[in-house]
Amino acid sequence: MEEEFKELLKGNMDYFDSFYEQTKRKIYYNIFAILKNRELSEDALQETYLRFLTNLPSLKEEKNVLGYLFVISRNIALDILKKQKRHVDIQEFENTPLFQVNEEYEDDALLKKVKEILNDKEYEIVILHLVNNLTHKEIAKLMHRPLGTVLWAYNNAIKKLKKGIDINA
């Protein structure tokens, strides 16, 4: 994915299909977690990648492209909710996690156990770091939290997991 992103930055659009295939599932579930509607989520997914391509010339190589896509997709999904004029309190979605675990992991017993042990913020930080391979600095930026807070929460989460999951069983 990083190699494809670098090529896209150089203007080589032949790499877009590969980039899209590698990122679409994570971005789709991020959107679906907010909209809970397949058609609207697919529309938002397309809008996310259109906005990404539009902003591509202004992006830098050091940019965490996956984190960038998460933020764009979340904002688009929230905009769609507002446009739908439903009687939904948008504030309830302000704390929606910036990720969704891939479909292939949803039934994973270990992840379910991790979710039971950790609070939502700790779970989000652990998954963003271990599953989505984001650095703590990137996570702090995405969550609008100080780096020290993210590191502290991550370390506490790991301690909780060590106590909560019997590794010797």
N, C-alpha and C. Protein backbone atom coordinates (compact mmCIF):
# COMPACT_ATOMS: atom_id res chain seq x y z
N MET A 1 0.82 -1.18 0.00
CA MET A 1 0.00 0.00 0.00
C MET A 1 0.88 1.26 0.00
N GLU A 2 1.94 1.27 0.78
CA GLU A 2 2.82 2.43 0.83
C GLU A 2 3.50 2.67 -0.51
N GLU A 3 3.92 1.59 -1.16
CA GLU A 3 4.57 1.71 -2.46
C GLU A 3 3.61 2.28 -3.50
N GLU A 4 2.36 1.80 -3.46
CA GLU A 4 1.36 2.31 -4.38
C GLU A 4 1.09 3.79 -4.14
N PHE A 5 1.05 4.18 -2.86
CA PHE A 5 0.83 5.58 -2.50
C PHE A 5 1.95 6.45 -3.05
N LYS A 6 3.18 5.99 -2.91
CA LYS A 6 4.33 6.75 -3.43
C LYS A 6 4.21 6.92 -4.95
N GLU A 7 3.79 5.87 -5.63
CA GLU A 7 3.64 5.95 -7.08
C GLU A 7 2.50 6.90 -7.45
N LEU A 8 1.42 6.87 -6.68
CA LEU A 8 0.31 7.79 -6.94
C LEU A 8 0.76 9.24 -6.77
N LEU A 9 1.59 9.48 -5.75
CA LEU A 9 2.11 10.82 -5.54
C LEU A 9 2.94 11.30 -6.72
N LYS A 10 3.59 10.36 -7.40
CA LYS A 10 4.40 10.69 -8.57
C LYS A 10 3.52 10.90 -9.81
N GLY A 11 2.22 10.64 -9.67
CA GLY A 11 1.31 10.83 -10.79
C GLY A 11 1.05 9.56 -11.59
N ASN A 12 1.54 8.44 -11.11
CA ASN A 12 1.37 7.17 -11.81
C ASN A 12 0.06 6.51 -11.36
N MET A 13 -1.03 6.81 -12.08
CA MET A 13 -2.36 6.34 -11.69
C MET A 13 -2.59 4.85 -11.99
N ASP A 14 -1.63 4.19 -12.62
CA ASP A 14 -1.74 2.76 -12.85
C ASP A 14 -1.79 1.99 -11.54
N TYR A 15 -1.32 2.60 -10.47
CA TYR A 15 -1.26 1.94 -9.16
C TYR A 15 -2.53 2.13 -8.34
N PHE A 16 -3.47 2.92 -8.84
CA PHE A 16 -4.66 3.21 -8.04
C PHE A 16 -5.50 1.96 -7.76
N ASP A 17 -5.70 1.11 -8.76
CA ASP A 17 -6.52 -0.09 -8.56
C ASP A 17 -5.97 -0.95 -7.43
N SER A 18 -4.67 -1.14 -7.42
CA SER A 18 -4.04 -1.94 -6.36
C SER A 18 -4.19 -1.25 -5.01
N PHE A 19 -3.97 0.06 -4.97
CA PHE A 19 -4.12 0.84 -3.74
C PHE A 19 -5.54 0.72 -3.20
N TYR A 20 -6.50 0.87 -4.10
CA TYR A 20 -7.92 0.80 -3.73
C TYR A 20 -8.25 -0.58 -3.15
N GLU A 21 -7.81 -1.63 -3.81
CA GLU A 21 -8.10 -2.99 -3.34
C GLU A 21 -7.51 -3.26 -1.96
N GLN A 22 -6.36 -2.67 -1.67
CA GLN A 22 -5.70 -2.89 -0.38
C GLN A 22 -6.33 -2.09 0.76
N THR A 23 -7.03 -1.03 0.44
CA THR A 23 -7.56 -0.15 1.49
C THR A 23 -9.07 -0.12 1.61
N LYS A 24 -9.79 -0.53 0.59
CA LYS A 24 -11.24 -0.31 0.56
C LYS A 24 -12.00 -0.99 1.69
N ARG A 25 -11.62 -2.19 2.07
CA ARG A 25 -12.37 -2.91 3.10
C ARG A 25 -12.33 -2.17 4.44
N LYS A 26 -11.14 -1.73 4.84
CA LYS A 26 -11.02 -1.02 6.11
C LYS A 26 -11.83 0.28 6.08
N ILE A 27 -11.74 0.99 4.97
CA ILE A 27 -12.44 2.28 4.86
C ILE A 27 -13.96 2.05 4.81
N TYR A 28 -14.38 1.02 4.10
CA TYR A 28 -15.81 0.73 4.02
C TYR A 28 -16.40 0.45 5.41
N TYR A 29 -15.72 -0.36 6.20
CA TYR A 29 -16.25 -0.69 7.52
C TYR A 29 -16.20 0.50 8.47
N ASN A 30 -15.26 1.39 8.26
CA ASN A 30 -15.23 2.63 9.02
C ASN A 30 -16.49 3.44 8.74
N ILE A 31 -16.86 3.52 7.48
CA ILE A 31 -18.06 4.25 7.07
C ILE A 31 -19.33 3.53 7.53
N PHE A 32 -19.37 2.23 7.32
CA PHE A 32 -20.56 1.46 7.66
C PHE A 32 -20.86 1.51 9.16
N ALA A 33 -19.83 1.62 9.97
CA ALA A 33 -20.02 1.72 11.42
C ALA A 33 -20.84 2.96 11.79
N ILE A 34 -20.75 3.99 10.97
CA ILE A 34 -21.48 5.23 11.23
C ILE A 34 -22.85 5.21 10.56
N LEU A 35 -22.88 4.85 9.27
CA LEU A 35 -24.13 4.95 8.50
C LEU A 35 -25.07 3.77 8.67
N LYS A 36 -24.51 2.59 8.89
CA LYS A 36 -25.29 1.37 9.06
C LYS A 36 -26.26 1.14 7.89
N ASN A 37 -25.80 1.50 6.70
CA ASN A 37 -26.60 1.34 5.49
C ASN A 37 -25.63 1.04 4.34
N ARG A 38 -25.85 -0.10 3.70
CA ARG A 38 -24.92 -0.56 2.67
C ARG A 38 -24.81 0.41 1.49
N GLU A 39 -25.94 0.86 0.96
CA GLU A 39 -25.92 1.74 -0.21
C GLU A 39 -25.26 3.08 0.11
N LEU A 40 -25.64 3.67 1.22
CA LEU A 40 -25.03 4.94 1.61
C LEU A 40 -23.54 4.77 1.87
N SER A 41 -23.17 3.64 2.46
CA SER A 41 -21.76 3.38 2.75
C SER A 41 -20.95 3.24 1.46
N GLU A 42 -21.54 2.58 0.46
CA GLU A 42 -20.84 2.44 -0.82
C GLU A 42 -20.68 3.80 -1.50
N ASP A 43 -21.71 4.64 -1.42
CA ASP A 43 -21.61 5.99 -1.97
C ASP A 43 -20.52 6.79 -1.25
N ALA A 44 -20.50 6.69 0.06
CA ALA A 44 -19.51 7.41 0.85
C ALA A 44 -18.09 6.90 0.55
N LEU A 45 -17.98 5.60 0.31
CA LEU A 45 -16.68 5.02 -0.04
C LEU A 45 -16.16 5.64 -1.33
N GLN A 46 -17.03 5.72 -2.32
CA GLN A 46 -16.62 6.32 -3.60
C GLN A 46 -16.26 7.79 -3.43
N GLU A 47 -17.05 8.50 -2.64
CA GLU A 47 -16.76 9.92 -2.38
C GLU A 47 -15.41 10.07 -1.66
N THR A 48 -15.10 9.15 -0.76
CA THR A 48 -13.83 9.19 -0.05
C THR A 48 -12.66 9.12 -1.03
N TYR A 49 -12.73 8.18 -1.95
CA TYR A 49 -11.62 8.02 -2.89
C TYR A 49 -11.58 9.15 -3.93
N LEU A 50 -12.73 9.72 -4.27
CA LEU A 50 -12.73 10.89 -5.15
C LEU A 50 -12.04 12.07 -4.46
N ARG A 51 -12.38 12.27 -3.21
CA ARG A 51 -11.76 13.36 -2.45
C ARG A 51 -10.26 13.11 -2.28
N PHE A 52 -9.90 11.84 -2.03
CA PHE A 52 -8.49 11.48 -1.92
C PHE A 52 -7.74 11.84 -3.20
N LEU A 53 -8.30 11.46 -4.35
CA LEU A 53 -7.64 11.74 -5.63
C LEU A 53 -7.57 13.24 -5.91
N THR A 54 -8.61 13.96 -5.52
CA THR A 54 -8.62 15.41 -5.70
C THR A 54 -7.51 16.07 -4.88
N ASN A 55 -7.30 15.58 -3.66
CA ASN A 55 -6.31 16.17 -2.77
C ASN A 55 -4.92 15.56 -2.93
N LEU A 56 -4.78 14.56 -3.75
CA LEU A 56 -3.51 13.85 -3.92
C LEU A 56 -2.33 14.79 -4.21
N PRO A 57 -2.48 15.78 -5.08
CA PRO A 57 -1.32 16.65 -5.36
C PRO A 57 -0.80 17.41 -4.14
N SER A 58 -1.66 17.63 -3.15
CA SER A 58 -1.23 18.39 -1.97
C SER A 58 -0.72 17.49 -0.84
N LEU A 59 -0.81 16.18 -1.00
CA LEU A 59 -0.35 15.27 0.05
C LEU A 59 1.16 15.09 -0.01
N LYS A 60 1.72 14.74 1.14
CA LYS A 60 3.15 14.50 1.23
C LYS A 60 3.41 13.02 1.45
N GLU A 61 4.58 12.58 1.06
CA GLU A 61 4.93 11.17 1.15
C GLU A 61 4.93 10.66 2.59
N GLU A 62 5.24 11.55 3.53
CA GLU A 62 5.30 11.13 4.94
C GLU A 62 3.91 10.93 5.54
N LYS A 63 2.90 11.37 4.84
CA LYS A 63 1.52 11.30 5.33
C LYS A 63 1.10 9.84 5.53
N ASN A 64 0.45 9.57 6.64
CA ASN A 64 -0.12 8.25 6.87
C ASN A 64 -1.40 8.17 6.05
N VAL A 65 -1.30 7.55 4.92
CA VAL A 65 -2.39 7.56 3.96
C VAL A 65 -3.63 6.84 4.50
N LEU A 66 -3.46 5.75 5.23
CA LEU A 66 -4.60 5.03 5.76
C LEU A 66 -5.33 5.88 6.80
N GLY A 67 -4.58 6.53 7.67
CA GLY A 67 -5.18 7.42 8.65
C GLY A 67 -5.91 8.57 7.98
N TYR A 68 -5.33 9.09 6.93
CA TYR A 68 -5.94 10.17 6.15
C TYR A 68 -7.27 9.70 5.57
N LEU A 69 -7.30 8.50 5.01
CA LEU A 69 -8.53 7.95 4.45
C LEU A 69 -9.58 7.72 5.54
N PHE A 70 -9.15 7.28 6.73
CA PHE A 70 -10.09 7.09 7.84
C PHE A 70 -10.77 8.40 8.19
N VAL A 71 -10.00 9.46 8.29
CA VAL A 71 -10.56 10.77 8.67
C VAL A 71 -11.51 11.28 7.58
N ILE A 72 -11.08 11.20 6.32
CA ILE A 72 -11.95 11.65 5.22
C ILE A 72 -13.26 10.87 5.23
N SER A 73 -13.16 9.55 5.33
CA SER A 73 -14.37 8.72 5.26
C SER A 73 -15.31 9.00 6.43
N ARG A 74 -14.76 9.21 7.59
CA ARG A 74 -15.58 9.51 8.77
C ARG A 74 -16.31 10.83 8.58
N ASN A 75 -15.60 11.83 8.09
CA ASN A 75 -16.22 13.14 7.86
C ASN A 75 -17.32 13.07 6.81
N ILE A 76 -17.08 12.33 5.75
CA ILE A 76 -18.09 12.18 4.70
C ILE A 76 -19.33 11.46 5.24
N ALA A 77 -19.10 10.42 6.02
CA ALA A 77 -20.23 9.67 6.60
C ALA A 77 -21.06 10.57 7.52
N LEU A 78 -20.39 11.38 8.33
CA LEU A 78 -21.12 12.29 9.21
C LEU A 78 -21.88 13.34 8.41
N ASP A 79 -21.30 13.81 7.30
CA ASP A 79 -22.01 14.76 6.43
C ASP A 79 -23.27 14.13 5.83
N ILE A 80 -23.16 12.87 5.42
CA ILE A 80 -24.32 12.17 4.86
C ILE A 80 -25.42 12.05 5.90
N LEU A 81 -25.04 11.75 7.14
CA LEU A 81 -26.05 11.66 8.20
C LEU A 81 -26.78 12.99 8.36
N LYS A 82 -26.04 14.06 8.33
CA LYS A 82 -26.67 15.38 8.47
C LYS A 82 -27.63 15.66 7.32
N LYS A 83 -27.23 15.29 6.12
CA LYS A 83 -28.07 15.53 4.93
C LYS A 83 -29.32 14.67 4.94
N GLN A 84 -29.28 13.54 5.56
CA GLN A 84 -30.43 12.64 5.59
C GLN A 84 -31.57 13.21 6.43
N LYS A 85 -31.29 14.19 7.24
CA LYS A 85 -32.29 14.84 8.09
C LYS A 85 -33.09 13.84 8.92
N ARG A 86 -32.38 12.82 9.34
CA ARG A 86 -33.02 11.86 10.24
C ARG A 86 -33.05 12.46 11.63
N HIS A 87 -33.82 11.88 12.47
CA HIS A 87 -33.84 12.32 13.86
C HIS A 87 -32.81 11.53 14.64
N VAL A 88 -31.57 11.71 14.18
CA VAL A 88 -30.46 11.01 14.81
C VAL A 88 -29.58 12.06 15.46
N ASP A 89 -29.19 11.81 16.66
CA ASP A 89 -28.30 12.72 17.35
C ASP A 89 -26.88 12.49 16.83
N ILE A 90 -26.37 13.42 16.04
CA ILE A 90 -25.04 13.29 15.45
C ILE A 90 -23.99 13.19 16.55
N GLN A 91 -24.24 13.78 17.69
CA GLN A 91 -23.25 13.75 18.76
C GLN A 91 -22.90 12.31 19.17
N GLU A 92 -23.86 11.41 19.03
CA GLU A 92 -23.59 10.03 19.42
C GLU A 92 -22.50 9.40 18.55
N PHE A 93 -22.30 9.96 17.34
CA PHE A 93 -21.29 9.42 16.44
C PHE A 93 -19.96 10.12 16.56
N GLU A 94 -19.89 11.18 17.34
CA GLU A 94 -18.63 11.91 17.46
C GLU A 94 -17.53 11.04 18.07
N ASN A 95 -17.92 10.09 18.88
CA ASN A 95 -16.93 9.21 19.49
C ASN A 95 -16.86 7.85 18.81
N THR A 96 -17.39 7.76 17.60
CA THR A 96 -17.31 6.51 16.84
C THR A 96 -15.84 6.21 16.57
N PRO A 97 -15.40 4.99 16.78
CA PRO A 97 -14.00 4.67 16.53
C PRO A 97 -13.61 4.97 15.09
N LEU A 98 -12.35 5.30 14.90
CA LEU A 98 -11.83 5.63 13.58
C LEU A 98 -11.49 4.39 12.78
N PHE A 99 -11.96 3.25 13.19
CA PHE A 99 -11.62 2.01 12.49
C PHE A 99 -12.72 1.01 12.70
N GLN A 100 -12.67 -0.03 11.90
CA GLN A 100 -13.47 -1.21 12.14
C GLN A 100 -12.55 -2.38 11.87
N VAL A 101 -12.68 -3.41 12.69
CA VAL A 101 -11.89 -4.61 12.47
C VAL A 101 -12.41 -5.28 11.21
N ASN A 102 -11.53 -5.75 10.36
CA ASN A 102 -11.93 -6.40 9.11
C ASN A 102 -12.91 -7.52 9.35
N GLU A 103 -13.76 -7.75 8.38
CA GLU A 103 -14.80 -8.78 8.44
C GLU A 103 -14.20 -10.14 8.82
N GLU A 104 -13.03 -10.43 8.30
CA GLU A 104 -12.41 -11.74 8.55
C GLU A 104 -12.05 -11.94 10.02
N TYR A 105 -11.94 -10.82 10.79
CA TYR A 105 -11.59 -10.93 12.20
C TYR A 105 -12.79 -10.84 13.12
N GLU A 106 -13.97 -10.51 12.59
CA GLU A 106 -15.13 -10.22 13.43
C GLU A 106 -15.48 -11.36 14.39
N ASP A 107 -15.32 -12.59 13.95
CA ASP A 107 -15.70 -13.72 14.79
C ASP A 107 -14.53 -14.28 15.58
N ASP A 108 -13.40 -13.63 15.53
CA ASP A 108 -12.21 -14.08 16.22
C ASP A 108 -12.43 -14.04 17.73
N ALA A 109 -12.30 -15.19 18.37
CA ALA A 109 -12.55 -15.30 19.81
C ALA A 109 -11.58 -14.43 20.61
N LEU A 110 -10.34 -14.35 20.17
CA LEU A 110 -9.35 -13.55 20.88
C LEU A 110 -9.74 -12.06 20.85
N LEU A 111 -10.17 -11.58 19.68
CA LEU A 111 -10.58 -10.17 19.60
C LEU A 111 -11.81 -9.90 20.46
N LYS A 112 -12.72 -10.86 20.51
CA LYS A 112 -13.89 -10.69 21.38
C LYS A 112 -13.46 -10.58 22.84
N LYS A 113 -12.51 -11.42 23.22
CA LYS A 113 -12.00 -11.39 24.60
C LYS A 113 -11.30 -10.06 24.88
N VAL A 114 -10.51 -9.59 23.92
CA VAL A 114 -9.82 -8.31 24.06
C VAL A 114 -10.85 -7.20 24.25
N LYS A 115 -11.93 -7.23 23.47
CA LYS A 115 -12.99 -6.21 23.55
C LYS A 115 -13.67 -6.24 24.93
N GLU A 116 -13.80 -7.44 25.51
CA GLU A 116 -14.40 -7.56 26.83
C GLU A 116 -13.51 -6.98 27.91
N ILE A 117 -12.20 -7.15 27.76
CA ILE A 117 -11.25 -6.73 28.78
C ILE A 117 -11.01 -5.22 28.76
N LEU A 118 -10.91 -4.66 27.57
CA LEU A 118 -10.54 -3.25 27.44
C LEU A 118 -11.76 -2.34 27.28
N ASN A 119 -11.58 -1.09 27.70
CA ASN A 119 -12.64 -0.11 27.41
C ASN A 119 -12.51 0.29 25.95
N ASP A 120 -13.47 1.05 25.44
CA ASP A 120 -13.52 1.37 24.02
C ASP A 120 -12.27 2.11 23.52
N LYS A 121 -11.80 3.08 24.28
CA LYS A 121 -10.63 3.86 23.85
C LYS A 121 -9.38 2.97 23.82
N GLU A 122 -9.20 2.15 24.84
CA GLU A 122 -8.04 1.25 24.87
C GLU A 122 -8.10 0.27 23.70
N TYR A 123 -9.27 -0.28 23.45
CA TYR A 123 -9.45 -1.22 22.35
C TYR A 123 -9.12 -0.55 21.02
N GLU A 124 -9.61 0.66 20.84
CA GLU A 124 -9.36 1.40 19.61
C GLU A 124 -7.86 1.62 19.40
N ILE A 125 -7.17 2.03 20.44
CA ILE A 125 -5.72 2.28 20.35
C ILE A 125 -4.98 0.99 20.03
N VAL A 126 -5.32 -0.10 20.71
CA VAL A 126 -4.64 -1.38 20.48
C VAL A 126 -4.87 -1.86 19.05
N ILE A 127 -6.09 -1.79 18.57
CA ILE A 127 -6.40 -2.26 17.22
C ILE A 127 -5.72 -1.37 16.17
N LEU A 128 -5.78 -0.06 16.37
CA LEU A 128 -5.12 0.84 15.42
C LEU A 128 -3.62 0.56 15.35
N HIS A 129 -3.04 0.23 16.49
CA HIS A 129 -1.59 -0.01 16.52
C HIS A 129 -1.24 -1.41 16.02
N LEU A 130 -1.90 -2.43 16.52
CA LEU A 130 -1.51 -3.80 16.20
C LEU A 130 -2.11 -4.34 14.91
N VAL A 131 -3.35 -4.01 14.61
CA VAL A 131 -4.01 -4.54 13.41
C VAL A 131 -3.78 -3.62 12.21
N ASN A 132 -3.94 -2.31 12.43
CA ASN A 132 -3.81 -1.36 11.32
C ASN A 132 -2.41 -0.78 11.19
N ASN A 133 -1.49 -1.18 12.06
CA ASN A 133 -0.07 -0.81 11.99
C ASN A 133 0.19 0.69 12.02
N LEU A 134 -0.62 1.43 12.75
CA LEU A 134 -0.36 2.86 12.91
C LEU A 134 0.60 3.07 14.08
N THR A 135 1.45 4.08 13.98
CA THR A 135 2.35 4.40 15.09
C THR A 135 1.54 5.11 16.18
N HIS A 136 2.12 5.17 17.37
CA HIS A 136 1.43 5.86 18.46
C HIS A 136 1.26 7.34 18.13
N LYS A 137 2.23 7.91 17.47
CA LYS A 137 2.15 9.31 17.07
C LYS A 137 0.99 9.54 16.09
N GLU A 138 0.83 8.64 15.14
CA GLU A 138 -0.27 8.73 14.17
C GLU A 138 -1.62 8.57 14.87
N ILE A 139 -1.67 7.63 15.82
CA ILE A 139 -2.91 7.41 16.57
C ILE A 139 -3.27 8.66 17.37
N ALA A 140 -2.26 9.26 18.02
CA ALA A 140 -2.50 10.47 18.80
C ALA A 140 -3.06 11.58 17.92
N LYS A 141 -2.52 11.72 16.73
CA LYS A 141 -2.99 12.74 15.81
C LYS A 141 -4.43 12.47 15.37
N LEU A 142 -4.73 11.20 15.03
CA LEU A 142 -6.08 10.84 14.61
C LEU A 142 -7.12 11.03 15.71
N MET A 143 -6.72 10.73 16.93
CA MET A 143 -7.65 10.79 18.05
C MET A 143 -7.68 12.17 18.72
N HIS A 144 -6.81 13.06 18.25
CA HIS A 144 -6.71 14.40 18.84
C HIS A 144 -6.39 14.31 20.33
N ARG A 145 -5.40 13.48 20.64
CA ARG A 145 -4.95 13.27 22.01
C ARG A 145 -3.44 13.48 22.06
N PRO A 146 -2.92 13.88 23.22
CA PRO A 146 -1.46 13.99 23.34
C PRO A 146 -0.81 12.60 23.19
N LEU A 147 0.39 12.59 22.64
CA LEU A 147 1.11 11.34 22.45
C LEU A 147 1.28 10.60 23.77
N GLY A 148 1.59 11.31 24.83
CA GLY A 148 1.77 10.68 26.14
C GLY A 148 0.52 9.97 26.62
N THR A 149 -0.63 10.54 26.35
CA THR A 149 -1.91 9.94 26.74
C THR A 149 -2.13 8.63 25.98
N VAL A 150 -1.84 8.66 24.70
CA VAL A 150 -2.00 7.45 23.88
C VAL A 150 -1.04 6.36 24.34
N LEU A 151 0.22 6.73 24.59
CA LEU A 151 1.21 5.75 25.06
C LEU A 151 0.79 5.16 26.41
N TRP A 152 0.33 6.02 27.30
CA TRP A 152 -0.10 5.57 28.62
C TRP A 152 -1.28 4.61 28.49
N ALA A 153 -2.25 4.97 27.67
CA ALA A 153 -3.44 4.12 27.47
C ALA A 153 -3.04 2.79 26.84
N TYR A 154 -2.15 2.82 25.87
CA TYR A 154 -1.70 1.59 25.21
C TYR A 154 -1.00 0.67 26.22
N ASN A 155 -0.09 1.23 26.99
CA ASN A 155 0.63 0.42 27.98
C ASN A 155 -0.30 -0.16 29.03
N ASN A 156 -1.26 0.63 29.48
CA ASN A 156 -2.26 0.12 30.44
C ASN A 156 -3.09 -0.99 29.82
N ALA A 157 -3.44 -0.81 28.55
CA ALA A 157 -4.23 -1.83 27.85
C ALA A 157 -3.45 -3.13 27.76
N ILE A 158 -2.19 -3.05 27.45
CA ILE A 158 -1.35 -4.26 27.36
C ILE A 158 -1.26 -4.95 28.72
N LYS A 159 -1.11 -4.16 29.78
CA LYS A 159 -1.08 -4.74 31.13
C LYS A 159 -2.40 -5.44 31.46
N LYS A 160 -3.52 -4.80 31.11
CA LYS A 160 -4.84 -5.41 31.33
C LYS A 160 -4.97 -6.72 30.56
N LEU A 161 -4.49 -6.70 29.33
CA LEU A 161 -4.58 -7.91 28.50
C LEU A 161 -3.74 -9.05 29.06
N LYS A 162 -2.57 -8.74 29.54
CA LYS A 162 -1.71 -9.77 30.14
C LYS A 162 -2.38 -10.42 31.34
N LYS A 163 -3.07 -9.60 32.14
CA LYS A 163 -3.79 -10.12 33.30
C LYS A 163 -5.07 -10.86 32.89
N GLY A 164 -5.76 -10.33 31.88
CA GLY A 164 -7.07 -10.85 31.50
C GLY A 164 -7.06 -12.07 30.61
N ILE A 165 -5.98 -12.25 29.86
CA ILE A 165 -5.87 -13.41 28.97
C ILE A 165 -4.84 -14.36 29.54
N ASP A 166 -5.28 -15.54 29.87
CA ASP A 166 -4.36 -16.54 30.41
C ASP A 166 -3.58 -17.16 29.27
N ILE A 167 -2.36 -16.69 29.07
CA ILE A 167 -1.54 -17.14 27.95
C ILE A 167 -1.05 -18.57 28.15
N ASN A 168 -0.94 -19.02 29.40
CA ASN A 168 -0.40 -20.36 29.67
C ASN A 168 -1.44 -21.46 29.54
N ALA A 169 -2.69 -21.08 29.30
CA ALA A 169 -3.75 -22.10 29.23
C ALA A 169 -3.65 -22.93 27.99
